[in-house]
Amino acid sequence: MSIFRDKTAIVTGAASGIGKALCEELAQRGAKVVATDVSEDALRAAAASIKAASHPVLAEKLDVTDYEAFKKLVEDTVAREGRLDYIFNNAGIAIVGEVRDATIDHWRKVLDVNLNGVVYGSVLAYQQMVEQGFGHIVNLASVEGLMPFPTTVSYVTSKFGVMGLSEGMWVEGKDLGVKVSVVCPGFVSTPIFDVSDTVSMGRREWKEEALSAWERFAISPEGCAQVILKGVEKNKPIITVTVMAKVMWWLTRISPTFIMNYARKDFNKWRDKARQTE
């Protein structure tokens, strides 16, 4: 029997990609899914496709950077269901460009969604779960939360922050009945870099040069969701997704400097090809 059956789960960034796949997998396993996203039309379409398969899902518009709105969503969910078993803090964005070209507003935008949004969801869920004595918080980081990656340094920064948040909450929450997992996917075939803003960087050139090596090890959102839920079932503190992510995590732990130099040398091969100054 699925551990998710009849359990209440909030998923952020649920309109597409990993978030949508998580909603589908959770619903198929009998969970009561609250699917949220800032894009209301895309969210409704995603929820409708899940409902069409006779799986329960409630769609709620949510901007994860709005703490009060997030607080109300959690409170309303608990008032309706009497509990909160899972939250999957998945919503995230990226801005592609070198640090020298990015403005502080670019940084604020990425950190507000990717880090503050996860902090809000984690803290609000944690407080409820401590009170009820059980629950599981699942935060989406990235392989970029384990190693440096040029041209998405604001994204890297946010994901390193999610790693620290999750590991710290794991330490505090374990003896209070609250489980915490952080997910580090490698390359997943989602549209995130098709819709991301770019700064002095050609999107097509950047994707060809920066992502081509990673795409060989790509996994589908559905496959990623299945690995995540398997890790949650096993209560893994850190869930790596794809062989590439596992290898890079292992190498980073052995020699961080080696990985930094490797990333720098690879970046220098395509930096000028992808960079656009006009």
C-alpha atoms as a PDB file:
ATOM      1  CA  MET A   1       0.000   0.000   0.000  1.00  0.00           C
ATOM      2  CA  SER A   2       1.296   3.451  -0.914  1.00  0.00           C
ATOM      3  CA  ILE A   3       2.462   5.636   1.975  1.00  0.00           C
ATOM      4  CA  PHE A   4       0.892   8.564   0.104  1.00  0.00           C
ATOM      5  CA  ARG A   5      -2.655   7.192   0.060  1.00  0.00           C
ATOM      6  CA  ASP A   6      -5.135   9.579   1.681  1.00  0.00           C
ATOM      7  CA  LYS A   7      -2.286  11.916   2.673  1.00  0.00           C
ATOM      8  CA  THR A   8      -2.401  15.649   2.006  1.00  0.00           C
ATOM      9  CA  ALA A   9       0.379  17.075  -0.161  1.00  0.00           C
ATOM     10  CA  ILE A  10       1.069  20.643  -1.341  1.00  0.00           C
ATOM     11  CA  VAL A  11       3.147  21.011  -4.513  1.00  0.00           C
ATOM     12  CA  THR A  12       4.476  24.376  -5.702  1.00  0.00           C
ATOM     13  CA  GLY A  13       5.418  25.119  -9.307  1.00  0.00           C
ATOM     14  CA  ALA A  14       2.861  22.518 -10.363  1.00  0.00           C
ATOM     15  CA  ALA A  15       1.869  23.851 -13.782  1.00  0.00           C
ATOM     16  CA  SER A  16       4.663  22.125 -15.694  1.00  0.00           C
ATOM     17  CA  GLY A  17       7.835  20.071 -15.489  1.00  0.00           C
ATOM     18  CA  ILE A  18       8.764  18.287 -12.280  1.00  0.00           C
ATOM     19  CA  GLY A  19       5.941  19.919 -10.318  1.00  0.00           C
ATOM     20  CA  LYS A  20       3.242  18.680 -12.655  1.00  0.00           C
ATOM     21  CA  ALA A  21       4.801  15.218 -12.762  1.00  0.00           C
ATOM     22  CA  LEU A  22       4.881  15.110  -8.956  1.00  0.00           C
ATOM     23  CA  CYS A  23       1.177  15.992  -8.822  1.00  0.00           C
ATOM     24  CA  GLU A  24       0.367  13.222 -11.294  1.00  0.00           C
ATOM     25  CA  GLU A  25       2.438  10.624  -9.426  1.00  0.00           C
ATOM     26  CA  LEU A  26       1.072  11.626  -6.028  1.00  0.00           C
ATOM     27  CA  ALA A  27      -2.511  11.564  -7.274  1.00  0.00           C
ATOM     28  CA  GLN A  28      -2.007   8.154  -8.847  1.00  0.00           C
ATOM     29  CA  ARG A  29      -0.784   6.914  -5.476  1.00  0.00           C
ATOM     30  CA  GLY A  30      -3.913   8.138  -3.751  1.00  0.00           C
ATOM     31  CA  ALA A  31      -2.746  11.430  -2.249  1.00  0.00           C
ATOM     32  CA  LYS A  32      -4.948  14.488  -1.828  1.00  0.00           C
ATOM     33  CA  VAL A  33      -2.956  16.919  -3.935  1.00  0.00           C
ATOM     34  CA  VAL A  34      -3.019  20.709  -3.644  1.00  0.00           C
ATOM     35  CA  ALA A  35      -1.345  21.895  -6.856  1.00  0.00           C
ATOM     36  CA  THR A  36      -0.098  25.494  -6.838  1.00  0.00           C
ATOM     37  CA  ASP A  37       1.539  27.801  -9.346  1.00  0.00           C
ATOM     38  CA  VAL A  38       1.767  31.517 -10.097  1.00  0.00           C
ATOM     39  CA  SER A  39       0.574  30.857 -13.672  1.00  0.00           C
ATOM     40  CA  GLU A  40      -3.136  30.275 -13.159  1.00  0.00           C
ATOM     41  CA  ASP A  41      -4.080  29.286 -16.723  1.00  0.00           C
ATOM     42  CA  ALA A  42      -1.278  26.734 -17.032  1.00  0.00           C
ATOM     43  CA  LEU A  43      -2.106  25.412 -13.568  1.00  0.00           C
ATOM     44  CA  ARG A  44      -5.774  24.907 -14.431  1.00  0.00           C
ATOM     45  CA  ALA A  45      -4.803  23.043 -17.588  1.00  0.00           C
ATOM     46  CA  ALA A  46      -2.414  20.806 -15.662  1.00  0.00           C
ATOM     47  CA  ALA A  47      -5.002  20.097 -12.978  1.00  0.00           C
ATOM     48  CA  ALA A  48      -7.640  19.335 -15.611  1.00  0.00           C
ATOM     49  CA  SER A  49      -5.409  16.730 -17.240  1.00  0.00           C
ATOM     50  CA  ILE A  50      -4.926  14.992 -13.903  1.00  0.00           C
ATOM     51  CA  LYS A  51      -8.643  15.143 -13.101  1.00  0.00           C
ATOM     52  CA  ALA A  52      -9.358  13.674 -16.509  1.00  0.00           C
ATOM     53  CA  ALA A  53      -7.535  10.573 -15.309  1.00  0.00           C
ATOM     54  CA  SER A  54      -9.899  10.404 -12.302  1.00  0.00           C
ATOM     55  CA  HIS A  55      -7.287  11.515  -9.776  1.00  0.00           C
ATOM     56  CA  PRO A  56      -8.149  14.108  -7.105  1.00  0.00           C
ATOM     57  CA  VAL A  57      -6.346  17.437  -7.285  1.00  0.00           C
ATOM     58  CA  LEU A  58      -7.143  20.934  -6.067  1.00  0.00           C
ATOM     59  CA  ALA A  59      -5.604  23.812  -8.042  1.00  0.00           C
ATOM     60  CA  GLU A  60      -4.721  26.988  -6.135  1.00  0.00           C
ATOM     61  CA  LYS A  61      -2.938  30.002  -7.565  1.00  0.00           C
ATOM     62  CA  LEU A  62       0.093  30.891  -5.444  1.00  0.00           C
ATOM     63  CA  ASP A  63       3.006  33.283  -5.717  1.00  0.00           C
ATOM     64  CA  VAL A  64       5.590  31.646  -3.447  1.00  0.00           C
ATOM     65  CA  THR A  65       7.267  35.024  -2.857  1.00  0.00           C
ATOM     66  CA  ASP A  66       4.111  36.243  -1.082  1.00  0.00           C
ATOM     67  CA  TYR A  67       4.490  35.017   2.498  1.00  0.00           C
ATOM     68  CA  GLU A  68       0.982  35.957   3.576  1.00  0.00           C
ATOM     69  CA  ALA A  69      -0.569  34.171   0.603  1.00  0.00           C
ATOM     70  CA  PHE A  70       1.561  31.100   1.319  1.00  0.00           C
ATOM     71  CA  LYS A  71       0.521  31.222   4.985  1.00  0.00           C
ATOM     72  CA  LYS A  72      -3.148  31.367   4.029  1.00  0.00           C
ATOM     73  CA  LEU A  73      -2.764  28.427   1.644  1.00  0.00           C
ATOM     74  CA  VAL A  74      -1.236  26.260   4.371  1.00  0.00           C
ATOM     75  CA  GLU A  75      -3.836  27.347   6.928  1.00  0.00           C
ATOM     76  CA  ASP A  76      -6.711  26.721   4.519  1.00  0.00           C
ATOM     77  CA  THR A  77      -5.318  23.301   3.616  1.00  0.00           C
ATOM     78  CA  VAL A  78      -5.026  22.277   7.272  1.00  0.00           C
ATOM     79  CA  ALA A  79      -8.477  23.665   8.074  1.00  0.00           C
ATOM     80  CA  ARG A  80      -9.984  21.642   5.225  1.00  0.00           C
ATOM     81  CA  GLU A  81      -8.026  18.396   5.626  1.00  0.00           C
ATOM     82  CA  GLY A  82      -7.125  18.524   9.312  1.00  0.00           C
ATOM     83  CA  ARG A  83      -3.430  17.925   8.608  1.00  0.00           C
ATOM     84  CA  LEU A  84      -0.525  18.513   6.260  1.00  0.00           C
ATOM     85  CA  ASP A  85       1.515  15.406   5.472  1.00  0.00           C
ATOM     86  CA  TYR A  86       3.799  16.612   2.681  1.00  0.00           C
ATOM     87  CA  ILE A  87       4.967  19.783   1.026  1.00  0.00           C
ATOM     88  CA  PHE A  88       7.057  19.722  -2.145  1.00  0.00           C
ATOM     89  CA  ASN A  89       8.751  23.113  -2.538  1.00  0.00           C
ATOM     90  CA  ASN A  90       9.457  22.853  -6.250  1.00  0.00           C
ATOM     91  CA  ALA A  91       8.791  26.309  -7.748  1.00  0.00           C
ATOM     92  CA  GLY A  92      11.888  27.840  -9.290  1.00  0.00           C
ATOM     93  CA  ILE A  93      13.232  30.100 -12.014  1.00  0.00           C
ATOM     94  CA  ALA A  94      16.592  30.819 -13.626  1.00  0.00           C
ATOM     95  CA  ILE A  95      18.267  33.797 -15.274  1.00  0.00           C
ATOM     96  CA  VAL A  96      21.126  33.019 -17.645  1.00  0.00           C
ATOM     97  CA  GLY A  97      24.077  35.378 -17.828  1.00  0.00           C
ATOM     98  CA  GLU A  98      27.450  36.137 -16.317  1.00  0.00           C
ATOM     99  CA  VAL A  99      27.703  37.825 -12.923  1.00  0.00           C
ATOM    100  CA  ARG A 100      29.302  40.890 -14.539  1.00  0.00           C
ATOM    101  CA  ASP A 101      26.190  41.445 -16.664  1.00  0.00           C
ATOM    102  CA  ALA A 102      23.424  40.686 -14.146  1.00  0.00           C
ATOM    103  CA  THR A 103      21.762  43.481 -12.213  1.00  0.00           C
ATOM    104  CA  ILE A 104      20.819  43.312  -8.551  1.00  0.00           C
ATOM    105  CA  ASP A 105      17.189  43.043  -9.680  1.00  0.00           C
ATOM    106  CA  HIS A 106      18.047  39.835 -11.526  1.00  0.00           C
ATOM    107  CA  TRP A 107      19.549  38.490  -8.310  1.00  0.00           C
ATOM    108  CA  ARG A 108      16.544  39.535  -6.249  1.00  0.00           C
ATOM    109  CA  LYS A 109      14.134  37.875  -8.669  1.00  0.00           C
ATOM    110  CA  VAL A 110      15.909  34.510  -8.590  1.00  0.00           C
ATOM    111  CA  LEU A 111      16.601  34.489  -4.853  1.00  0.00           C
ATOM    112  CA  ASP A 112      13.067  35.596  -4.008  1.00  0.00           C
ATOM    113  CA  VAL A 113      11.507  32.650  -5.831  1.00  0.00           C
ATOM    114  CA  ASN A 114      14.138  29.949  -5.411  1.00  0.00           C
ATOM    115  CA  LEU A 115      15.273  30.622  -1.865  1.00  0.00           C
ATOM    116  CA  ASN A 116      12.748  32.810  -0.075  1.00  0.00           C
ATOM    117  CA  GLY A 117       9.856  30.857  -1.591  1.00  0.00           C
ATOM    118  CA  VAL A 118      11.344  27.612  -0.282  1.00  0.00           C
ATOM    119  CA  VAL A 119      12.033  29.194   3.120  1.00  0.00           C
ATOM    120  CA  TYR A 120       8.408  30.346   3.379  1.00  0.00           C
ATOM    121  CA  GLY A 121       6.986  26.962   2.421  1.00  0.00           C
ATOM    122  CA  SER A 122       9.421  25.064   4.644  1.00  0.00           C
ATOM    123  CA  VAL A 123       8.922  27.220   7.742  1.00  0.00           C
ATOM    124  CA  LEU A 124       5.141  27.309   7.439  1.00  0.00           C
ATOM    125  CA  ALA A 125       4.930  23.555   6.897  1.00  0.00           C
ATOM    126  CA  TYR A 126       7.498  22.877   9.631  1.00  0.00           C
ATOM    127  CA  GLN A 127       5.531  24.808  12.234  1.00  0.00           C
ATOM    128  CA  GLN A 128       2.362  22.887  11.403  1.00  0.00           C
ATOM    129  CA  MET A 129       4.159  19.541  11.292  1.00  0.00           C
ATOM    130  CA  VAL A 130       5.882  20.091  14.640  1.00  0.00           C
ATOM    131  CA  GLU A 131       2.501  20.873  16.168  1.00  0.00           C
ATOM    132  CA  GLN A 132       0.862  17.755  14.746  1.00  0.00           C
ATOM    133  CA  GLY A 133       3.933  15.595  15.380  1.00  0.00           C
ATOM    134  CA  PHE A 134       4.522  14.326  11.847  1.00  0.00           C
ATOM    135  CA  GLY A 135       5.103  15.403   8.265  1.00  0.00           C
ATOM    136  CA  HIS A 136       7.665  15.437   5.478  1.00  0.00           C
ATOM    137  CA  ILE A 137       9.161  18.514   3.798  1.00  0.00           C
ATOM    138  CA  VAL A 138      10.702  17.937   0.359  1.00  0.00           C
ATOM    139  CA  ASN A 139      12.744  20.783  -1.106  1.00  0.00           C
ATOM    140  CA  LEU A 140      13.923  20.866  -4.715  1.00  0.00           C
ATOM    141  CA  ALA A 141      17.542  21.947  -5.012  1.00  0.00           C
ATOM    142  CA  SER A 142      19.668  20.841  -7.971  1.00  0.00           C
ATOM    143  CA  VAL A 143      23.005  19.383  -8.930  1.00  0.00           C
ATOM    144  CA  GLU A 144      23.818  23.112  -9.048  1.00  0.00           C
ATOM    145  CA  GLY A 145      23.312  23.102  -5.291  1.00  0.00           C
ATOM    146  CA  LEU A 146      26.249  20.714  -5.081  1.00  0.00           C
ATOM    147  CA  MET A 147      28.717  22.219  -7.552  1.00  0.00           C
ATOM    148  CA  PRO A 148      29.446  25.525  -9.320  1.00  0.00           C
ATOM    149  CA  PHE A 149      28.017  26.227 -12.756  1.00  0.00           C
ATOM    150  CA  PRO A 150      28.903  29.388 -14.708  1.00  0.00           C
ATOM    151  CA  THR A 151      26.264  31.725 -16.191  1.00  0.00           C
ATOM    152  CA  THR A 152      23.616  30.653 -13.665  1.00  0.00           C
ATOM    153  CA  VAL A 153      25.403  31.772 -10.508  1.00  0.00           C
ATOM    154  CA  SER A 154      22.274  33.304  -8.961  1.00  0.00           C
ATOM    155  CA  TYR A 155      20.523  29.952  -9.471  1.00  0.00           C
ATOM    156  CA  VAL A 156      23.532  28.132  -7.973  1.00  0.00           C
ATOM    157  CA  THR A 157      23.464  30.482  -4.986  1.00  0.00           C
ATOM    158  CA  SER A 158      19.771  29.834  -4.371  1.00  0.00           C
ATOM    159  CA  LYS A 159      20.178  26.071  -4.605  1.00  0.00           C
ATOM    160  CA  PHE A 160      23.181  26.031  -2.248  1.00  0.00           C
ATOM    161  CA  GLY A 161      20.923  27.934   0.143  1.00  0.00           C
ATOM    162  CA  VAL A 162      18.176  25.325  -0.218  1.00  0.00           C
ATOM    163  CA  MET A 163      20.734  22.624   0.620  1.00  0.00           C
ATOM    164  CA  GLY A 164      21.767  24.402   3.836  1.00  0.00           C
ATOM    165  CA  LEU A 165      18.169  25.115   4.813  1.00  0.00           C
ATOM    166  CA  SER A 166      17.115  21.514   4.298  1.00  0.00           C
ATOM    167  CA  GLU A 167      20.067  19.929   6.055  1.00  0.00           C
ATOM    168  CA  GLY A 168      19.707  22.272   9.034  1.00  0.00           C
ATOM    169  CA  MET A 169      15.982  21.578   9.310  1.00  0.00           C
ATOM    170  CA  TRP A 170      16.685  17.836   9.100  1.00  0.00           C
ATOM    171  CA  VAL A 171      18.914  18.105  12.162  1.00  0.00           C
ATOM    172  CA  GLU A 172      16.355  20.078  14.172  1.00  0.00           C
ATOM    173  CA  GLY A 173      13.259  18.261  12.951  1.00  0.00           C
ATOM    174  CA  LYS A 174      14.221  14.603  13.171  1.00  0.00           C
ATOM    175  CA  ASP A 175      13.450  14.239  16.882  1.00  0.00           C
ATOM    176  CA  LEU A 176      10.265  16.298  16.567  1.00  0.00           C
ATOM    177  CA  GLY A 177       8.682  13.923  14.051  1.00  0.00           C
ATOM    178  CA  VAL A 178       9.374  16.086  10.990  1.00  0.00           C
ATOM    179  CA  LYS A 179      11.215  14.508   8.069  1.00  0.00           C
ATOM    180  CA  VAL A 180      13.145  16.657   5.575  1.00  0.00           C
ATOM    181  CA  SER A 181      14.535  15.681   2.177  1.00  0.00           C
ATOM    182  CA  VAL A 182      16.385  17.782  -0.365  1.00  0.00           C
ATOM    183  CA  VAL A 183      16.350  16.745  -4.027  1.00  0.00           C
ATOM    184  CA  CYS A 184      19.301  17.293  -6.366  1.00  0.00           C
ATOM    185  CA  PRO A 185      18.324  16.461  -9.944  1.00  0.00           C
ATOM    186  CA  GLY A 186      20.812  16.516 -12.766  1.00  0.00           C
ATOM    187  CA  PHE A 187      19.473  17.589 -16.152  1.00  0.00           C
ATOM    188  CA  VAL A 188      15.710  17.144 -16.440  1.00  0.00           C
ATOM    189  CA  SER A 189      13.863  17.732 -19.720  1.00  0.00           C
ATOM    190  CA  THR A 190      11.763  20.699 -18.600  1.00  0.00           C
ATOM    191  CA  PRO A 191      11.116  24.090 -20.256  1.00  0.00           C
ATOM    192  CA  ILE A 192      12.872  26.116 -17.539  1.00  0.00           C
ATOM    193  CA  PHE A 193      15.707  27.294 -19.793  1.00  0.00           C
ATOM    194  CA  ASP A 194      13.348  27.919 -22.720  1.00  0.00           C
ATOM    195  CA  VAL A 195      11.448  30.528 -20.707  1.00  0.00           C
ATOM    196  CA  SER A 196      14.302  31.892 -18.595  1.00  0.00           C
ATOM    197  CA  ASP A 197      15.486  35.457 -19.068  1.00  0.00           C
ATOM    198  CA  THR A 198      18.949  35.838 -20.573  1.00  0.00           C
ATOM    199  CA  VAL A 199      21.433  38.653 -19.974  1.00  0.00           C
ATOM    200  CA  SER A 200      24.098  39.267 -22.646  1.00  0.00           C
ATOM    201  CA  MET A 201      23.860  35.618 -23.570  1.00  0.00           C
ATOM    202  CA  GLY A 202      22.455  34.052 -26.734  1.00  0.00           C
ATOM    203  CA  ARG A 203      19.864  31.498 -25.700  1.00  0.00           C
ATOM    204  CA  ARG A 204      20.430  29.130 -28.627  1.00  0.00           C
ATOM    205  CA  GLU A 205      24.223  29.377 -28.431  1.00  0.00           C
ATOM    206  CA  TRP A 206      24.193  28.974 -24.660  1.00  0.00           C
ATOM    207  CA  LYS A 207      21.972  25.900 -24.797  1.00  0.00           C
ATOM    208  CA  GLU A 208      24.125  24.320 -27.487  1.00  0.00           C
ATOM    209  CA  GLU A 209      27.382  24.953 -25.675  1.00  0.00           C
ATOM    210  CA  ALA A 210      26.450  24.761 -21.992  1.00  0.00           C
ATOM    211  CA  LEU A 211      23.767  22.084 -21.925  1.00  0.00           C
ATOM    212  CA  SER A 212      24.669  19.652 -24.701  1.00  0.00           C
ATOM    213  CA  ALA A 213      26.907  17.503 -22.482  1.00  0.00           C
ATOM    214  CA  TRP A 214      24.240  17.326 -19.777  1.00  0.00           C
ATOM    215  CA  GLU A 215      21.402  16.468 -22.154  1.00  0.00           C
ATOM    216  CA  ARG A 216      22.936  13.057 -22.818  1.00  0.00           C
ATOM    217  CA  PHE A 217      22.137  12.164 -19.213  1.00  0.00           C
ATOM    218  CA  ALA A 218      18.708  13.831 -19.133  1.00  0.00           C
ATOM    219  CA  ILE A 219      15.695  12.310 -17.444  1.00  0.00           C
ATOM    220  CA  SER A 220      12.016  13.057 -18.081  1.00  0.00           C
ATOM    221  CA  PRO A 221       9.979  14.969 -15.474  1.00  0.00           C
ATOM    222  CA  GLU A 222       7.930  11.804 -14.954  1.00  0.00           C
ATOM    223  CA  GLY A 223      11.049   9.744 -14.352  1.00  0.00           C
ATOM    224  CA  CYS A 224      12.387  12.407 -12.007  1.00  0.00           C
ATOM    225  CA  ALA A 225       9.138  12.453  -9.998  1.00  0.00           C
ATOM    226  CA  GLN A 226       9.264   8.685  -9.608  1.00  0.00           C
ATOM    227  CA  VAL A 227      12.834   8.823  -8.272  1.00  0.00           C
ATOM    228  CA  ILE A 228      11.879  11.623  -5.879  1.00  0.00           C
ATOM    229  CA  LEU A 229       8.922   9.739  -4.436  1.00  0.00           C
ATOM    230  CA  LYS A 230      10.992   6.587  -4.108  1.00  0.00           C
ATOM    231  CA  GLY A 231      13.527   8.601  -2.117  1.00  0.00           C
ATOM    232  CA  VAL A 232      10.755  10.070   0.035  1.00  0.00           C
ATOM    233  CA  GLU A 233       9.418   6.580   0.712  1.00  0.00           C
ATOM    234  CA  LYS A 234      12.884   5.595   1.923  1.00  0.00           C
ATOM    235  CA  ASN A 235      13.162   8.841   3.927  1.00  0.00           C
ATOM    236  CA  LYS A 236      16.440   9.816   2.267  1.00  0.00           C
ATOM    237  CA  PRO A 237      17.812  13.157   3.510  1.00  0.00           C
ATOM    238  CA  ILE A 238      19.476  13.831   0.127  1.00  0.00           C
ATOM    239  CA  ILE A 239      17.904  12.487  -3.061  1.00  0.00           C
ATOM    240  CA  THR A 240      20.113  12.660  -6.145  1.00  0.00           C
ATOM    241  CA  VAL A 241      18.473  12.163  -9.543  1.00  0.00           C
ATOM    242  CA  THR A 242      20.417  10.908 -12.608  1.00  0.00           C
ATOM    243  CA  VAL A 243      23.782   9.176 -12.726  1.00  0.00           C
ATOM    244  CA  MET A 244      25.483  12.441 -13.660  1.00  0.00           C
ATOM    245  CA  ALA A 245      24.237  14.122 -10.485  1.00  0.00           C
ATOM    246  CA  LYS A 246      25.494  11.227  -8.366  1.00  0.00           C
ATOM    247  CA  VAL A 247      28.922  11.302 -10.034  1.00  0.00           C
ATOM    248  CA  MET A 248      29.300  15.076  -9.744  1.00  0.00           C
ATOM    249  CA  TRP A 249      28.257  14.994  -6.073  1.00  0.00           C
ATOM    250  CA  TRP A 250      30.821  12.280  -5.393  1.00  0.00           C
ATOM    251  CA  LEU A 251      33.601  14.180  -7.191  1.00  0.00           C
ATOM    252  CA  THR A 252      32.695  17.431  -5.444  1.00  0.00           C
ATOM    253  CA  ARG A 253      32.972  15.821  -2.034  1.00  0.00           C
ATOM    254  CA  ILE A 254      36.365  14.313  -2.911  1.00  0.00           C
ATOM    255  CA  SER A 255      37.879  17.468  -4.405  1.00  0.00           C
ATOM    256  CA  PRO A 256      35.863  20.701  -4.637  1.00  0.00           C
ATOM    257  CA  THR A 257      38.834  22.491  -6.201  1.00  0.00           C
ATOM    258  CA  PHE A 258      39.079  19.919  -8.975  1.00  0.00           C
ATOM    259  CA  ILE A 259      35.418  20.482  -9.891  1.00  0.00           C
ATOM    260  CA  MET A 260      35.836  24.266  -9.799  1.00  0.00           C
ATOM    261  CA  ASN A 261      38.816  24.091 -12.155  1.00  0.00           C
ATOM    262  CA  TYR A 262      37.020  21.615 -14.415  1.00  0.00           C
ATOM    263  CA  ALA A 263      34.007  23.953 -14.641  1.00  0.00           C
ATOM    264  CA  ARG A 264      36.272  26.934 -15.374  1.00  0.00           C
ATOM    265  CA  LYS A 265      38.162  25.158 -18.163  1.00  0.00           C
ATOM    266  CA  ASP A 266      34.963  23.923 -19.757  1.00  0.00           C
ATOM    267  CA  PHE A 267      33.425  27.408 -19.508  1.00  0.00           C
ATOM    268  CA  ASN A 268      36.417  28.962 -21.259  1.00  0.00           C
ATOM    269  CA  LYS A 269      35.800  26.681 -24.245  1.00  0.00           C
ATOM    270  CA  TRP A 270      32.401  28.208 -25.009  1.00  0.00           C
ATOM    271  CA  ARG A 271      32.254  31.495 -23.123  1.00  0.00           C
ATOM    272  CA  ASP A 272      32.910  33.714 -26.150  1.00  0.00           C
ATOM    273  CA  LYS A 273      30.589  31.697 -28.416  1.00  0.00           C
ATOM    274  CA  ALA A 274      27.610  32.161 -26.144  1.00  0.00           C
ATOM    275  CA  ARG A 275      28.227  35.669 -24.867  1.00  0.00           C
ATOM    276  CA  GLN A 276      26.500  38.554 -26.616  1.00  0.00           C
ATOM    277  CA  THR A 277      27.458  42.094 -25.672  1.00  0.00           C
ATOM    278  CA  GLU A 278      24.940  43.937 -27.793  1.00  0.00           C
END
